[in-house]
């Protein structure tokens, strides 16, 4: 989950508003912030879910035995 933390760090450096400013980041803190309604944390987690969904869809299509 290093990539998630790096994504949040980058957006914080870019000045995105978040309750995570000034905190040492962890997945737990990012998830807690998302649950509390932090827009930045929620957006990063939504994007993570989107990318995971795409990866799963690719794997399903790649290993679909009916395709061959």
N, C-alpha and C. Protein backbone atom coordinates (compact mmCIF):
# COMPACT_ATOMS: atom_id res chain seq x y z
N UNK A 1 0.81 -1.20 0.00
CA UNK A 1 0.00 0.00 0.00
C UNK A 1 0.86 1.27 0.00
N UNK A 2 2.12 1.08 -0.26
CA UNK A 2 3.03 2.22 -0.33
C UNK A 2 2.57 3.22 -1.39
N UNK A 3 2.05 2.72 -2.50
CA UNK A 3 1.60 3.60 -3.58
C UNK A 3 0.46 4.51 -3.13
N UNK A 4 -0.42 4.01 -2.27
CA UNK A 4 -1.53 4.83 -1.77
C UNK A 4 -0.98 5.97 -0.92
N UNK A 5 -0.05 5.64 -0.04
CA UNK A 5 0.55 6.67 0.81
C UNK A 5 1.28 7.70 -0.05
N UNK A 6 2.02 7.24 -1.06
CA UNK A 6 2.73 8.16 -1.95
C UNK A 6 1.76 9.06 -2.70
N UNK A 7 0.63 8.52 -3.12
CA UNK A 7 -0.38 9.32 -3.82
C UNK A 7 -0.94 10.41 -2.92
N UNK A 8 -1.23 10.06 -1.67
CA UNK A 8 -1.74 11.05 -0.72
C UNK A 8 -0.67 12.10 -0.46
N UNK A 9 0.58 11.68 -0.25
CA UNK A 9 1.67 12.63 -0.01
C UNK A 9 1.81 13.61 -1.16
N UNK A 10 1.74 13.10 -2.39
CA UNK A 10 1.87 13.97 -3.56
C UNK A 10 0.75 15.00 -3.59
N UNK A 11 -0.46 14.57 -3.35
CA UNK A 11 -1.59 15.50 -3.40
C UNK A 11 -1.54 16.51 -2.26
N UNK A 12 -1.04 16.09 -1.12
CA UNK A 12 -0.86 17.05 -0.02
C UNK A 12 0.17 18.11 -0.40
N UNK A 13 1.26 17.68 -1.04
CA UNK A 13 2.28 18.64 -1.50
C UNK A 13 1.71 19.62 -2.52
N UNK A 14 0.77 19.14 -3.32
CA UNK A 14 0.12 19.99 -4.33
C UNK A 14 -0.88 20.96 -3.71
N UNK A 15 -1.14 20.81 -2.41
CA UNK A 15 -2.01 21.75 -1.72
C UNK A 15 -3.46 21.34 -1.59
N UNK A 16 -3.77 20.10 -1.90
CA UNK A 16 -5.16 19.64 -1.74
C UNK A 16 -5.56 19.71 -0.27
N UNK A 17 -6.74 20.21 0.02
CA UNK A 17 -7.17 20.29 1.42
C UNK A 17 -7.43 18.89 1.99
N UNK A 18 -6.99 18.70 3.24
CA UNK A 18 -7.18 17.40 3.89
C UNK A 18 -6.86 17.52 5.36
N UNK A 19 -7.52 16.71 6.16
CA UNK A 19 -7.21 16.64 7.58
C UNK A 19 -5.90 15.90 7.82
N UNK A 20 -5.32 15.33 6.77
CA UNK A 20 -4.09 14.56 6.88
C UNK A 20 -2.83 15.43 6.85
N UNK A 21 -2.98 16.72 6.55
CA UNK A 21 -1.82 17.62 6.55
C UNK A 21 -1.11 17.57 7.89
N UNK A 22 0.22 17.44 7.84
CA UNK A 22 1.02 17.49 9.06
C UNK A 22 1.07 16.19 9.84
N UNK A 23 0.46 15.13 9.33
CA UNK A 23 0.47 13.85 10.03
C UNK A 23 1.43 12.89 9.34
N UNK A 24 1.99 11.96 10.11
CA UNK A 24 2.71 10.86 9.47
C UNK A 24 1.64 9.92 8.94
N UNK A 25 1.78 9.52 7.69
CA UNK A 25 0.71 8.79 7.02
C UNK A 25 0.86 7.29 7.16
N UNK A 26 -0.26 6.64 7.28
CA UNK A 26 -0.36 5.18 7.24
C UNK A 26 -1.68 4.85 6.56
N UNK A 27 -1.80 3.62 6.11
CA UNK A 27 -3.05 3.19 5.49
C UNK A 27 -4.21 3.36 6.46
N UNK A 28 -3.96 3.03 7.72
CA UNK A 28 -5.01 3.15 8.73
C UNK A 28 -5.49 4.59 8.87
N UNK A 29 -4.55 5.55 8.90
CA UNK A 29 -4.93 6.96 9.03
C UNK A 29 -5.68 7.44 7.80
N UNK A 30 -5.26 6.99 6.63
CA UNK A 30 -5.93 7.39 5.40
C UNK A 30 -7.35 6.83 5.37
N UNK A 31 -7.51 5.57 5.75
CA UNK A 31 -8.85 4.97 5.80
C UNK A 31 -9.73 5.65 6.84
N UNK A 32 -9.17 5.95 8.00
CA UNK A 32 -9.93 6.65 9.04
C UNK A 32 -10.38 8.02 8.54
N UNK A 33 -9.49 8.73 7.83
CA UNK A 33 -9.83 10.04 7.29
C UNK A 33 -10.94 9.91 6.25
N UNK A 34 -10.87 8.88 5.42
CA UNK A 34 -11.91 8.66 4.41
C UNK A 34 -13.26 8.41 5.07
N UNK A 35 -13.28 7.59 6.10
CA UNK A 35 -14.52 7.30 6.82
C UNK A 35 -15.07 8.57 7.46
N UNK A 36 -14.16 9.45 7.90
CA UNK A 36 -14.57 10.70 8.53
C UNK A 36 -15.00 11.75 7.51
N UNK A 37 -14.90 11.41 6.21
CA UNK A 37 -15.37 12.33 5.18
C UNK A 37 -14.30 13.16 4.50
N UNK A 38 -13.03 12.88 4.76
CA UNK A 38 -11.94 13.62 4.12
C UNK A 38 -11.98 13.37 2.61
N UNK A 39 -12.15 14.43 1.84
CA UNK A 39 -12.31 14.32 0.40
C UNK A 39 -11.09 13.73 -0.27
N UNK A 40 -9.91 14.17 0.11
CA UNK A 40 -8.68 13.67 -0.50
C UNK A 40 -8.53 12.17 -0.25
N UNK A 41 -8.69 11.75 0.98
CA UNK A 41 -8.55 10.32 1.32
C UNK A 41 -9.59 9.50 0.58
N UNK A 42 -10.81 9.98 0.52
CA UNK A 42 -11.87 9.25 -0.18
C UNK A 42 -11.55 9.12 -1.66
N UNK A 43 -11.07 10.19 -2.27
CA UNK A 43 -10.77 10.16 -3.70
C UNK A 43 -9.65 9.17 -4.01
N UNK A 44 -8.61 9.15 -3.20
CA UNK A 44 -7.50 8.22 -3.43
C UNK A 44 -7.99 6.78 -3.29
N UNK A 45 -8.83 6.50 -2.32
CA UNK A 45 -9.34 5.14 -2.13
C UNK A 45 -10.29 4.75 -3.27
N UNK A 46 -11.10 5.68 -3.74
CA UNK A 46 -11.98 5.41 -4.88
C UNK A 46 -11.15 5.08 -6.11
N UNK A 47 -10.09 5.84 -6.34
CA UNK A 47 -9.22 5.58 -7.49
C UNK A 47 -8.53 4.23 -7.35
N UNK A 48 -8.11 3.88 -6.14
CA UNK A 48 -7.51 2.57 -5.90
C UNK A 48 -8.49 1.47 -6.28
N UNK A 49 -9.74 1.60 -5.85
CA UNK A 49 -10.75 0.61 -6.18
C UNK A 49 -10.97 0.49 -7.68
N UNK A 50 -10.95 1.63 -8.37
CA UNK A 50 -11.12 1.63 -9.82
C UNK A 50 -9.98 0.87 -10.49
N UNK A 51 -8.74 1.15 -10.08
CA UNK A 51 -7.58 0.49 -10.66
C UNK A 51 -7.58 -1.01 -10.35
N UNK A 52 -7.96 -1.37 -9.14
CA UNK A 52 -8.05 -2.80 -8.79
C UNK A 52 -9.11 -3.50 -9.64
N UNK A 53 -10.23 -2.83 -9.84
CA UNK A 53 -11.28 -3.40 -10.69
C UNK A 53 -10.80 -3.62 -12.11
N UNK A 54 -10.06 -2.67 -12.65
CA UNK A 54 -9.51 -2.82 -13.99
C UNK A 54 -8.55 -4.00 -14.06
N UNK A 55 -7.68 -4.12 -13.05
CA UNK A 55 -6.71 -5.22 -13.02
C UNK A 55 -7.42 -6.57 -12.94
N UNK A 56 -8.46 -6.66 -12.14
CA UNK A 56 -9.21 -7.91 -12.02
C UNK A 56 -9.89 -8.25 -13.34
N UNK A 57 -10.46 -7.25 -14.00
CA UNK A 57 -11.11 -7.49 -15.28
C UNK A 57 -10.11 -7.98 -16.32
N UNK A 58 -8.93 -7.43 -16.33
CA UNK A 58 -7.89 -7.88 -17.26
C UNK A 58 -7.52 -9.33 -16.98
N UNK A 59 -7.36 -9.66 -15.69
CA UNK A 59 -7.00 -11.03 -15.32
C UNK A 59 -8.10 -12.01 -15.71
N UNK A 60 -9.35 -11.65 -15.50
CA UNK A 60 -10.46 -12.52 -15.88
C UNK A 60 -10.44 -12.76 -17.38
N UNK A 61 -10.25 -11.70 -18.15
CA UNK A 61 -10.22 -11.85 -19.61
C UNK A 61 -8.99 -12.63 -20.07
N UNK A 62 -7.88 -12.45 -19.39
CA UNK A 62 -6.64 -13.14 -19.76
C UNK A 62 -6.75 -14.64 -19.53
N UNK A 63 -7.37 -15.02 -18.44
CA UNK A 63 -7.46 -16.43 -18.08
C UNK A 63 -8.82 -17.05 -18.37
N UNK A 64 -9.62 -16.41 -19.17
CA UNK A 64 -10.94 -16.92 -19.51
C UNK A 64 -10.79 -18.14 -20.42
N UNK A 65 -11.04 -19.35 -19.90
CA UNK A 65 -10.83 -20.54 -20.73
C UNK A 65 -11.80 -20.63 -21.91
N UNK A 66 -12.94 -20.00 -21.84
CA UNK A 66 -13.90 -20.04 -22.94
C UNK A 66 -13.44 -19.18 -24.11
N UNK A 67 -12.50 -18.32 -23.86
CA UNK A 67 -12.02 -17.42 -24.90
C UNK A 67 -11.23 -18.18 -25.97
N UNK A 68 -10.63 -19.30 -25.57
CA UNK A 68 -9.79 -20.05 -26.51
C UNK A 68 -10.59 -21.17 -27.06
